[in-house]
């Protein structure tokens, strides 16, 4: 993993400029807002004595983890872009925030720096969160401005944070701290070789049976309706066997699947027939 240092400031600004349209679209989708453009400022040293407007109040923190260090994007609540639901999001809202953090982490950082994990959460004080995260005295600050109608919404991208793990929500930290699976080094050699075999992985949107007559009637422009709800999770399939379920996410300009739970193999029972007792 590439080290998160001050030296990548120019690369971060370049990445933001290259991905400006996608950043605008990501915020528009997450908050169902009319975001029309993005202005990227020059990288400078963050001055805690003169923080950006709104840092003394609550807001949305989006954390991008690179090992134990992190970068953070801070959006003040006072800017007026954040919806009311973000303070106590339901499952759908939480998924939107998580997706936004994941997308933003991929868009604002150079290709050499891929975040190991991303988190999005509300904090009571942006300035206090930045301090608790261990922002370096010479931390880099890249100011971004989202154009929303006739007003600009300020977003601050700051790094490195030496104690970024202290900001990770308890639920996410508990999930990350679960015991890892046994090492593959403990497996027999022939099984370790098997792990290198590539198998097709697909995402199953929906299935249903249709008559041959209906299938023969399919033409360009026809719409086929499935019984599956748009809110249902999609299956991740390996070798015709579903192994997990998740929801669609957009990572940059790519399609992705955020895994929500694993799917246990279907149990198969074989009836055991006892031979009739022999008579003597």
C-alpha atoms as a PDB file:
ATOM      1  CA  UNK A   1       0.000   0.000   0.000  1.00  0.00           C
ATOM      2  CA  UNK A   2       1.353   3.422  -1.013  1.00  0.00           C
ATOM      3  CA  UNK A   3       2.192   5.698   1.902  1.00  0.00           C
ATOM      4  CA  UNK A   4      -0.102   8.631   2.620  1.00  0.00           C
ATOM      5  CA  UNK A   5       2.267  11.604   2.669  1.00  0.00           C
ATOM      6  CA  UNK A   6       2.261  15.335   2.041  1.00  0.00           C
ATOM      7  CA  UNK A   7       4.073  14.803  -1.255  1.00  0.00           C
ATOM      8  CA  UNK A   8       0.977  13.580  -3.104  1.00  0.00           C
ATOM      9  CA  UNK A   9      -0.783  16.965  -2.901  1.00  0.00           C
ATOM     10  CA  UNK A  10      -0.256  17.692  -6.589  1.00  0.00           C
ATOM     11  CA  UNK A  11      -1.504  14.236  -7.562  1.00  0.00           C
ATOM     12  CA  UNK A  12      -4.625  14.665  -5.407  1.00  0.00           C
ATOM     13  CA  UNK A  13      -5.470  18.009  -7.016  1.00  0.00           C
ATOM     14  CA  UNK A  14      -4.940  16.457 -10.458  1.00  0.00           C
ATOM     15  CA  UNK A  15      -7.198  13.513  -9.556  1.00  0.00           C
ATOM     16  CA  UNK A  16      -9.932  15.880  -8.351  1.00  0.00           C
ATOM     17  CA  UNK A  17      -9.786  17.892 -11.568  1.00  0.00           C
ATOM     18  CA  UNK A  18      -9.867  14.772 -13.710  1.00  0.00           C
ATOM     19  CA  UNK A  19     -12.854  13.353 -11.804  1.00  0.00           C
ATOM     20  CA  UNK A  20     -14.748  16.610 -11.201  1.00  0.00           C
ATOM     21  CA  UNK A  21     -17.828  15.566 -13.203  1.00  0.00           C
ATOM     22  CA  UNK A  22     -18.024  12.236 -11.384  1.00  0.00           C
ATOM     23  CA  UNK A  23     -17.629  13.929  -7.988  1.00  0.00           C
ATOM     24  CA  UNK A  24     -20.512  16.265  -8.845  1.00  0.00           C
ATOM     25  CA  UNK A  25     -22.661  13.303  -9.922  1.00  0.00           C
ATOM     26  CA  UNK A  26     -21.823  11.337  -6.753  1.00  0.00           C
ATOM     27  CA  UNK A  27     -23.029  14.129  -4.452  1.00  0.00           C
ATOM     28  CA  UNK A  28     -26.116  14.677  -6.578  1.00  0.00           C
ATOM     29  CA  UNK A  29     -27.071  11.002  -6.320  1.00  0.00           C
ATOM     30  CA  UNK A  30     -26.369  10.700  -2.612  1.00  0.00           C
ATOM     31  CA  UNK A  31     -28.384  13.730  -1.540  1.00  0.00           C
ATOM     32  CA  UNK A  32     -30.821  13.961  -4.486  1.00  0.00           C
ATOM     33  CA  UNK A  33     -29.634  17.523  -4.967  1.00  0.00           C
ATOM     34  CA  UNK A  34     -28.960  19.717  -7.974  1.00  0.00           C
ATOM     35  CA  UNK A  35     -25.175  19.916  -7.956  1.00  0.00           C
ATOM     36  CA  UNK A  36     -23.988  21.678 -11.086  1.00  0.00           C
ATOM     37  CA  UNK A  37     -20.229  21.991 -10.850  1.00  0.00           C
ATOM     38  CA  UNK A  38     -17.060  21.728  -8.815  1.00  0.00           C
ATOM     39  CA  UNK A  39     -14.226  24.172  -8.190  1.00  0.00           C
ATOM     40  CA  UNK A  40     -10.915  22.761  -6.963  1.00  0.00           C
ATOM     41  CA  UNK A  41      -8.607  25.050  -5.029  1.00  0.00           C
ATOM     42  CA  UNK A  42      -4.866  24.765  -4.635  1.00  0.00           C
ATOM     43  CA  UNK A  43      -3.354  22.580  -1.924  1.00  0.00           C
ATOM     44  CA  UNK A  44      -2.195  24.483   1.163  1.00  0.00           C
ATOM     45  CA  UNK A  45      -1.246  23.790   4.777  1.00  0.00           C
ATOM     46  CA  UNK A  46      -4.265  23.444   7.060  1.00  0.00           C
ATOM     47  CA  UNK A  47      -4.327  26.114   9.764  1.00  0.00           C
ATOM     48  CA  UNK A  48      -6.288  24.956  12.867  1.00  0.00           C
ATOM     49  CA  UNK A  49      -6.341  28.559  14.110  1.00  0.00           C
ATOM     50  CA  UNK A  50      -8.293  29.658  11.036  1.00  0.00           C
ATOM     51  CA  UNK A  51     -10.490  26.708  10.062  1.00  0.00           C
ATOM     52  CA  UNK A  52     -12.976  26.881   7.173  1.00  0.00           C
ATOM     53  CA  UNK A  53     -16.468  28.197   7.894  1.00  0.00           C
ATOM     54  CA  UNK A  54     -18.684  25.706   9.711  1.00  0.00           C
ATOM     55  CA  UNK A  55     -15.865  23.689  11.274  1.00  0.00           C
ATOM     56  CA  UNK A  56     -16.991  24.747  14.749  1.00  0.00           C
ATOM     57  CA  UNK A  57     -20.271  22.894  14.239  1.00  0.00           C
ATOM     58  CA  UNK A  58     -21.564  19.484  13.137  1.00  0.00           C
ATOM     59  CA  UNK A  59     -21.218  17.947   9.729  1.00  0.00           C
ATOM     60  CA  UNK A  60     -20.482  14.893   7.634  1.00  0.00           C
ATOM     61  CA  UNK A  61     -17.064  13.261   7.873  1.00  0.00           C
ATOM     62  CA  UNK A  62     -15.926  10.872   5.147  1.00  0.00           C
ATOM     63  CA  UNK A  63     -12.833   8.948   6.173  1.00  0.00           C
ATOM     64  CA  UNK A  64     -10.470   7.151   3.795  1.00  0.00           C
ATOM     65  CA  UNK A  65      -8.150   4.663   5.499  1.00  0.00           C
ATOM     66  CA  UNK A  66      -4.624   3.829   4.316  1.00  0.00           C
ATOM     67  CA  UNK A  67      -3.279   1.465   6.945  1.00  0.00           C
ATOM     68  CA  UNK A  68      -3.368   3.270  10.304  1.00  0.00           C
ATOM     69  CA  UNK A  69      -3.343   6.694   8.659  1.00  0.00           C
ATOM     70  CA  UNK A  70      -6.172   8.397   6.885  1.00  0.00           C
ATOM     71  CA  UNK A  71      -7.460  11.257   4.787  1.00  0.00           C
ATOM     72  CA  UNK A  72     -10.756  12.940   5.579  1.00  0.00           C
ATOM     73  CA  UNK A  73     -13.336  14.967   3.654  1.00  0.00           C
ATOM     74  CA  UNK A  74     -15.412  17.302   5.828  1.00  0.00           C
ATOM     75  CA  UNK A  75     -18.746  18.852   4.823  1.00  0.00           C
ATOM     76  CA  UNK A  76     -20.285  21.332   7.313  1.00  0.00           C
ATOM     77  CA  UNK A  77     -23.959  20.937   8.152  1.00  0.00           C
ATOM     78  CA  UNK A  78     -24.316  24.708   7.994  1.00  0.00           C
ATOM     79  CA  UNK A  79     -23.527  24.620   4.258  1.00  0.00           C
ATOM     80  CA  UNK A  80     -27.105  23.512   3.617  1.00  0.00           C
ATOM     81  CA  UNK A  81     -26.465  20.549   1.311  1.00  0.00           C
ATOM     82  CA  UNK A  82     -26.886  17.752   3.849  1.00  0.00           C
ATOM     83  CA  UNK A  83     -30.425  16.310   4.123  1.00  0.00           C
ATOM     84  CA  UNK A  84     -32.147  15.902   7.492  1.00  0.00           C
ATOM     85  CA  UNK A  85     -32.005  12.104   7.321  1.00  0.00           C
ATOM     86  CA  UNK A  86     -28.184  12.052   7.420  1.00  0.00           C
ATOM     87  CA  UNK A  87     -28.201  12.616  11.209  1.00  0.00           C
ATOM     88  CA  UNK A  88     -29.962   9.283  11.829  1.00  0.00           C
ATOM     89  CA  UNK A  89     -29.945   7.404   8.530  1.00  0.00           C
ATOM     90  CA  UNK A  90     -31.998   4.273   7.989  1.00  0.00           C
ATOM     91  CA  UNK A  91     -30.554   1.330   6.065  1.00  0.00           C
ATOM     92  CA  UNK A  92     -31.076   3.065   2.728  1.00  0.00           C
ATOM     93  CA  UNK A  93     -29.576   6.328   3.973  1.00  0.00           C
ATOM     94  CA  UNK A  94     -26.583   4.567   5.506  1.00  0.00           C
ATOM     95  CA  UNK A  95     -25.976   2.783   2.203  1.00  0.00           C
ATOM     96  CA  UNK A  96     -26.064   6.133   0.377  1.00  0.00           C
ATOM     97  CA  UNK A  97     -23.504   7.654   2.742  1.00  0.00           C
ATOM     98  CA  UNK A  98     -21.263   4.594   2.560  1.00  0.00           C
ATOM     99  CA  UNK A  99     -21.441   4.603  -1.235  1.00  0.00           C
ATOM    100  CA  UNK A 100     -20.623   8.318  -1.365  1.00  0.00           C
ATOM    101  CA  UNK A 101     -17.560   7.802   0.838  1.00  0.00           C
ATOM    102  CA  UNK A 102     -16.424   4.857  -1.256  1.00  0.00           C
ATOM    103  CA  UNK A 103     -16.868   6.751  -4.520  1.00  0.00           C
ATOM    104  CA  UNK A 104     -15.239   9.915  -3.217  1.00  0.00           C
ATOM    105  CA  UNK A 105     -12.269   7.983  -1.857  1.00  0.00           C
ATOM    106  CA  UNK A 106     -11.669   6.515  -5.304  1.00  0.00           C
ATOM    107  CA  UNK A 107     -12.154   9.829  -7.128  1.00  0.00           C
ATOM    108  CA  UNK A 108     -10.129  12.322  -5.091  1.00  0.00           C
ATOM    109  CA  UNK A 109      -7.057  10.155  -4.526  1.00  0.00           C
ATOM    110  CA  UNK A 110      -4.506   9.258  -7.219  1.00  0.00           C
ATOM    111  CA  UNK A 111      -4.523   5.765  -8.710  1.00  0.00           C
ATOM    112  CA  UNK A 112      -1.438   4.896  -6.650  1.00  0.00           C
ATOM    113  CA  UNK A 113      -3.442   5.312  -3.427  1.00  0.00           C
ATOM    114  CA  UNK A 114      -6.398   2.970  -3.010  1.00  0.00           C
ATOM    115  CA  UNK A 115      -8.190   3.249   0.332  1.00  0.00           C
ATOM    116  CA  UNK A 116      -8.331   0.002   2.296  1.00  0.00           C
ATOM    117  CA  UNK A 117     -11.610   1.118   3.883  1.00  0.00           C
ATOM    118  CA  UNK A 118     -13.959   4.101   3.796  1.00  0.00           C
ATOM    119  CA  UNK A 119     -16.437   5.389   6.371  1.00  0.00           C
ATOM    120  CA  UNK A 120     -19.083   8.122   6.463  1.00  0.00           C
ATOM    121  CA  UNK A 121     -20.591   9.451   9.703  1.00  0.00           C
ATOM    122  CA  UNK A 122     -21.894  12.588  11.396  1.00  0.00           C
ATOM    123  CA  UNK A 123     -19.758  14.383  13.970  1.00  0.00           C
ATOM    124  CA  UNK A 124     -20.792  17.081  16.431  1.00  0.00           C
ATOM    125  CA  UNK A 125     -17.741  19.215  15.657  1.00  0.00           C
ATOM    126  CA  UNK A 126     -15.670  18.986  12.497  1.00  0.00           C
ATOM    127  CA  UNK A 127     -12.737  20.748  14.156  1.00  0.00           C
ATOM    128  CA  UNK A 128     -12.804  18.369  17.135  1.00  0.00           C
ATOM    129  CA  UNK A 129     -12.984  15.340  14.834  1.00  0.00           C
ATOM    130  CA  UNK A 130      -9.982  16.601  12.906  1.00  0.00           C
ATOM    131  CA  UNK A 131      -8.032  17.043  16.134  1.00  0.00           C
ATOM    132  CA  UNK A 132      -9.054  13.625  17.453  1.00  0.00           C
ATOM    133  CA  UNK A 133      -7.958  12.061  14.182  1.00  0.00           C
ATOM    134  CA  UNK A 134      -4.456  13.383  14.754  1.00  0.00           C
ATOM    135  CA  UNK A 135      -4.179  15.828  11.869  1.00  0.00           C
ATOM    136  CA  UNK A 136      -0.520  16.685  11.424  1.00  0.00           C
ATOM    137  CA  UNK A 137       0.651  20.222  12.145  1.00  0.00           C
ATOM    138  CA  UNK A 138       1.576  20.520   8.474  1.00  0.00           C
ATOM    139  CA  UNK A 139      -1.467  18.627   7.171  1.00  0.00           C
ATOM    140  CA  UNK A 140      -2.470  19.359   3.581  1.00  0.00           C
ATOM    141  CA  UNK A 141      -5.829  21.011   2.888  1.00  0.00           C
ATOM    142  CA  UNK A 142      -7.397  20.895  -0.582  1.00  0.00           C
ATOM    143  CA  UNK A 143     -10.545  23.083  -0.691  1.00  0.00           C
ATOM    144  CA  UNK A 144     -13.387  21.964  -2.955  1.00  0.00           C
ATOM    145  CA  UNK A 145     -16.517  23.976  -3.736  1.00  0.00           C
ATOM    146  CA  UNK A 146     -19.704  22.337  -5.005  1.00  0.00           C
ATOM    147  CA  UNK A 147     -21.907  24.657  -7.068  1.00  0.00           C
ATOM    148  CA  UNK A 148     -25.516  24.195  -5.939  1.00  0.00           C
ATOM    149  CA  UNK A 149     -27.715  26.724  -7.690  1.00  0.00           C
ATOM    150  CA  UNK A 150     -26.593  30.216  -6.759  1.00  0.00           C
ATOM    151  CA  UNK A 151     -24.505  29.107  -3.767  1.00  0.00           C
ATOM    152  CA  UNK A 152     -21.267  27.255  -3.208  1.00  0.00           C
ATOM    153  CA  UNK A 153     -20.930  24.441  -0.685  1.00  0.00           C
ATOM    154  CA  UNK A 154     -17.431  24.111   0.755  1.00  0.00           C
ATOM    155  CA  UNK A 155     -15.870  20.678   1.162  1.00  0.00           C
ATOM    156  CA  UNK A 156     -12.444  20.234   2.762  1.00  0.00           C
ATOM    157  CA  UNK A 157     -10.089  17.358   1.972  1.00  0.00           C
ATOM    158  CA  UNK A 158      -7.355  17.037   4.623  1.00  0.00           C
ATOM    159  CA  UNK A 159      -4.525  14.555   5.254  1.00  0.00           C
ATOM    160  CA  UNK A 160      -2.621  12.850   6.801  1.00  0.00           C
ATOM    161  CA  UNK A 161      -4.382  11.866  10.029  1.00  0.00           C
ATOM    162  CA  UNK A 162      -2.032   9.884  12.272  1.00  0.00           C
ATOM    163  CA  UNK A 163      -4.756   8.461  14.551  1.00  0.00           C
ATOM    164  CA  UNK A 164      -7.523   8.114  11.991  1.00  0.00           C
ATOM    165  CA  UNK A 165      -8.597   4.792  13.506  1.00  0.00           C
ATOM    166  CA  UNK A 166      -9.884   6.717  16.546  1.00  0.00           C
ATOM    167  CA  UNK A 167     -12.574   8.211  14.310  1.00  0.00           C
ATOM    168  CA  UNK A 168     -13.880   4.924  12.917  1.00  0.00           C
ATOM    169  CA  UNK A 169     -17.443   4.292  14.186  1.00  0.00           C
ATOM    170  CA  UNK A 170     -17.683   1.553  16.813  1.00  0.00           C
ATOM    171  CA  UNK A 171     -19.858  -0.683  14.632  1.00  0.00           C
ATOM    172  CA  UNK A 172     -17.335  -0.585  11.781  1.00  0.00           C
ATOM    173  CA  UNK A 173     -14.396  -1.081  14.150  1.00  0.00           C
ATOM    174  CA  UNK A 174     -16.060  -4.127  15.708  1.00  0.00           C
ATOM    175  CA  UNK A 175     -16.606  -5.629  12.267  1.00  0.00           C
ATOM    176  CA  UNK A 176     -12.980  -5.033  11.276  1.00  0.00           C
ATOM    177  CA  UNK A 177     -11.664  -6.549  14.501  1.00  0.00           C
ATOM    178  CA  UNK A 178     -13.325  -9.924  14.074  1.00  0.00           C
ATOM    179  CA  UNK A 179     -10.838 -12.785  14.030  1.00  0.00           C
ATOM    180  CA  UNK A 180      -9.435 -13.508  10.560  1.00  0.00           C
ATOM    181  CA  UNK A 181      -9.827 -16.867   8.924  1.00  0.00           C
ATOM    182  CA  UNK A 182      -7.108 -19.456   9.369  1.00  0.00           C
ATOM    183  CA  UNK A 183      -4.038 -18.879   7.214  1.00  0.00           C
ATOM    184  CA  UNK A 184      -4.009 -20.653   3.856  1.00  0.00           C
ATOM    185  CA  UNK A 185      -0.415 -21.640   4.641  1.00  0.00           C
ATOM    186  CA  UNK A 186      -1.861 -24.330   6.910  1.00  0.00           C
ATOM    187  CA  UNK A 187      -3.531 -26.055   3.958  1.00  0.00           C
ATOM    188  CA  UNK A 188      -1.951 -29.031   2.149  1.00  0.00           C
ATOM    189  CA  UNK A 189       0.123 -28.086  -0.888  1.00  0.00           C
ATOM    190  CA  UNK A 190      -2.355 -29.469  -3.434  1.00  0.00           C
ATOM    191  CA  UNK A 191      -5.150 -27.372  -1.915  1.00  0.00           C
ATOM    192  CA  UNK A 192      -3.005 -24.231  -1.963  1.00  0.00           C
ATOM    193  CA  UNK A 193      -2.487 -24.795  -5.690  1.00  0.00           C
ATOM    194  CA  UNK A 194      -6.240 -25.088  -6.107  1.00  0.00           C
ATOM    195  CA  UNK A 195      -6.663 -21.564  -4.692  1.00  0.00           C
ATOM    196  CA  UNK A 196      -4.939 -20.156  -7.795  1.00  0.00           C
ATOM    197  CA  UNK A 197      -7.609 -21.505 -10.151  1.00  0.00           C
ATOM    198  CA  UNK A 198      -9.677 -18.695 -11.682  1.00  0.00           C
ATOM    199  CA  UNK A 199     -13.442 -19.185 -11.784  1.00  0.00           C
ATOM    200  CA  UNK A 200     -16.146 -16.968 -13.321  1.00  0.00           C
ATOM    201  CA  UNK A 201     -17.875 -14.637 -10.871  1.00  0.00           C
ATOM    202  CA  UNK A 202     -21.168 -13.017 -11.846  1.00  0.00           C
ATOM    203  CA  UNK A 203     -23.915 -10.893 -10.340  1.00  0.00           C
ATOM    204  CA  UNK A 204     -27.433 -12.223 -10.813  1.00  0.00           C
ATOM    205  CA  UNK A 205     -30.023  -9.493 -11.268  1.00  0.00           C
ATOM    206  CA  UNK A 206     -33.211 -11.575 -11.503  1.00  0.00           C
ATOM    207  CA  UNK A 207     -34.566 -14.836 -12.909  1.00  0.00           C
ATOM    208  CA  UNK A 208     -37.965 -16.188 -13.804  1.00  0.00           C
ATOM    209  CA  UNK A 209     -39.530 -18.743 -16.101  1.00  0.00           C
ATOM    210  CA  UNK A 210     -41.281 -17.752 -19.327  1.00  0.00           C
ATOM    211  CA  UNK A 211     -43.008 -19.767 -21.975  1.00  0.00           C
ATOM    212  CA  UNK A 212     -41.220 -20.484 -25.226  1.00  0.00           C
ATOM    213  CA  UNK A 213     -43.964 -18.538 -26.995  1.00  0.00           C
ATOM    214  CA  UNK A 214     -43.204 -15.420 -24.929  1.00  0.00           C
ATOM    215  CA  UNK A 215     -39.474 -15.787 -25.563  1.00  0.00           C
ATOM    216  CA  UNK A 216     -40.026 -16.072 -29.325  1.00  0.00           C
ATOM    217  CA  UNK A 217     -42.001 -12.833 -29.123  1.00  0.00           C
ATOM    218  CA  UNK A 218     -39.058 -10.818 -27.758  1.00  0.00           C
ATOM    219  CA  UNK A 219     -38.019  -8.002 -30.112  1.00  0.00           C
ATOM    220  CA  UNK A 220     -35.776  -4.921 -29.760  1.00  0.00           C
ATOM    221  CA  UNK A 221     -37.506  -2.376 -27.558  1.00  0.00           C
ATOM    222  CA  UNK A 222     -39.517  -4.955 -25.618  1.00  0.00           C
ATOM    223  CA  UNK A 223     -39.565  -4.638 -21.826  1.00  0.00           C
ATOM    224  CA  UNK A 224     -39.458  -7.795 -19.746  1.00  0.00           C
ATOM    225  CA  UNK A 225     -40.867  -7.370 -16.257  1.00  0.00           C
ATOM    226  CA  UNK A 226     -39.447  -9.372 -13.363  1.00  0.00           C
ATOM    227  CA  UNK A 227     -41.133  -9.993 -10.025  1.00  0.00           C
ATOM    228  CA  UNK A 228     -38.036  -8.964  -8.088  1.00  0.00           C
ATOM    229  CA  UNK A 229     -38.242  -5.618  -6.280  1.00  0.00           C
ATOM    230  CA  UNK A 230     -35.679  -2.925  -7.135  1.00  0.00           C
ATOM    231  CA  UNK A 231     -34.823  -2.730  -3.406  1.00  0.00           C
ATOM    232  CA  UNK A 232     -33.850  -6.397  -3.099  1.00  0.00           C
ATOM    233  CA  UNK A 233     -30.211  -7.443  -2.875  1.00  0.00           C
ATOM    234  CA  UNK A 234     -28.442  -9.011  -5.845  1.00  0.00           C
ATOM    235  CA  UNK A 235     -26.782 -12.426  -5.680  1.00  0.00           C
ATOM    236  CA  UNK A 236     -23.056 -12.942  -6.214  1.00  0.00           C
ATOM    237  CA  UNK A 237     -22.727 -16.251  -8.042  1.00  0.00           C
ATOM    238  CA  UNK A 238     -19.684 -18.500  -8.447  1.00  0.00           C
ATOM    239  CA  UNK A 239     -20.064 -21.618 -10.545  1.00  0.00           C
ATOM    240  CA  UNK A 240     -23.888 -21.441 -10.514  1.00  0.00           C
ATOM    241  CA  UNK A 241     -23.803 -21.309  -6.714  1.00  0.00           C
ATOM    242  CA  UNK A 242     -24.806 -18.092  -4.875  1.00  0.00           C
ATOM    243  CA  UNK A 243     -22.207 -17.249  -2.230  1.00  0.00           C
ATOM    244  CA  UNK A 244     -23.226 -13.748  -1.128  1.00  0.00           C
ATOM    245  CA  UNK A 245     -25.777 -10.974  -1.568  1.00  0.00           C
ATOM    246  CA  UNK A 246     -25.229  -7.259  -1.877  1.00  0.00           C
ATOM    247  CA  UNK A 247     -26.264  -3.959  -3.389  1.00  0.00           C
ATOM    248  CA  UNK A 248     -25.067  -2.153  -6.473  1.00  0.00           C
ATOM    249  CA  UNK A 249     -22.541   0.646  -5.980  1.00  0.00           C
ATOM    250  CA  UNK A 250     -20.724   2.907  -8.414  1.00  0.00           C
ATOM    251  CA  UNK A 251     -16.965   3.107  -7.940  1.00  0.00           C
ATOM    252  CA  UNK A 252     -15.685   5.851 -10.208  1.00  0.00           C
ATOM    253  CA  UNK A 253     -17.091   4.900 -13.607  1.00  0.00           C
ATOM    254  CA  UNK A 254     -17.191   1.194 -12.727  1.00  0.00           C
ATOM    255  CA  UNK A 255     -19.938  -1.113 -11.497  1.00  0.00           C
ATOM    256  CA  UNK A 256     -19.498  -2.751  -8.097  1.00  0.00           C
ATOM    257  CA  UNK A 257     -21.341  -4.834  -5.519  1.00  0.00           C
ATOM    258  CA  UNK A 258     -21.228  -4.029  -1.804  1.00  0.00           C
ATOM    259  CA  UNK A 259     -21.566  -7.351   0.042  1.00  0.00           C
ATOM    260  CA  UNK A 260     -24.191  -7.262   2.787  1.00  0.00           C
ATOM    261  CA  UNK A 261     -24.188 -10.902   3.867  1.00  0.00           C
ATOM    262  CA  UNK A 262     -22.812 -14.288   2.892  1.00  0.00           C
ATOM    263  CA  UNK A 263     -25.065 -17.053   1.608  1.00  0.00           C
ATOM    264  CA  UNK A 264     -24.652 -20.490   3.144  1.00  0.00           C
ATOM    265  CA  UNK A 265     -24.594 -23.480   0.767  1.00  0.00           C
ATOM    266  CA  UNK A 266     -27.883 -25.238   0.332  1.00  0.00           C
ATOM    267  CA  UNK A 267     -28.052 -28.218   2.635  1.00  0.00           C
ATOM    268  CA  UNK A 268     -28.390 -31.561   0.936  1.00  0.00           C
ATOM    269  CA  UNK A 269     -29.641 -34.561   2.841  1.00  0.00           C
ATOM    270  CA  UNK A 270     -29.349 -38.106   1.583  1.00  0.00           C
ATOM    271  CA  UNK A 271     -31.745 -40.632   2.969  1.00  0.00           C
ATOM    272  CA  UNK A 272     -29.986 -43.576   4.545  1.00  0.00           C
ATOM    273  CA  UNK A 273     -31.732 -46.870   3.973  1.00  0.00           C
ATOM    274  CA  UNK A 274     -30.952 -49.611   6.423  1.00  0.00           C
ATOM    275  CA  UNK A 275     -30.659 -53.072   4.953  1.00  0.00           C
ATOM    276  CA  UNK A 276     -33.229 -55.493   6.267  1.00  0.00           C
ATOM    277  CA  UNK A 277     -31.852 -57.561   9.138  1.00  0.00           C
ATOM    278  CA  UNK A 278     -30.829 -61.028   8.059  1.00  0.00           C
ATOM    279  CA  UNK A 279     -32.763 -63.844   9.709  1.00  0.00           C
ATOM    280  CA  UNK A 280     -30.971 -66.946  10.861  1.00  0.00           C
END
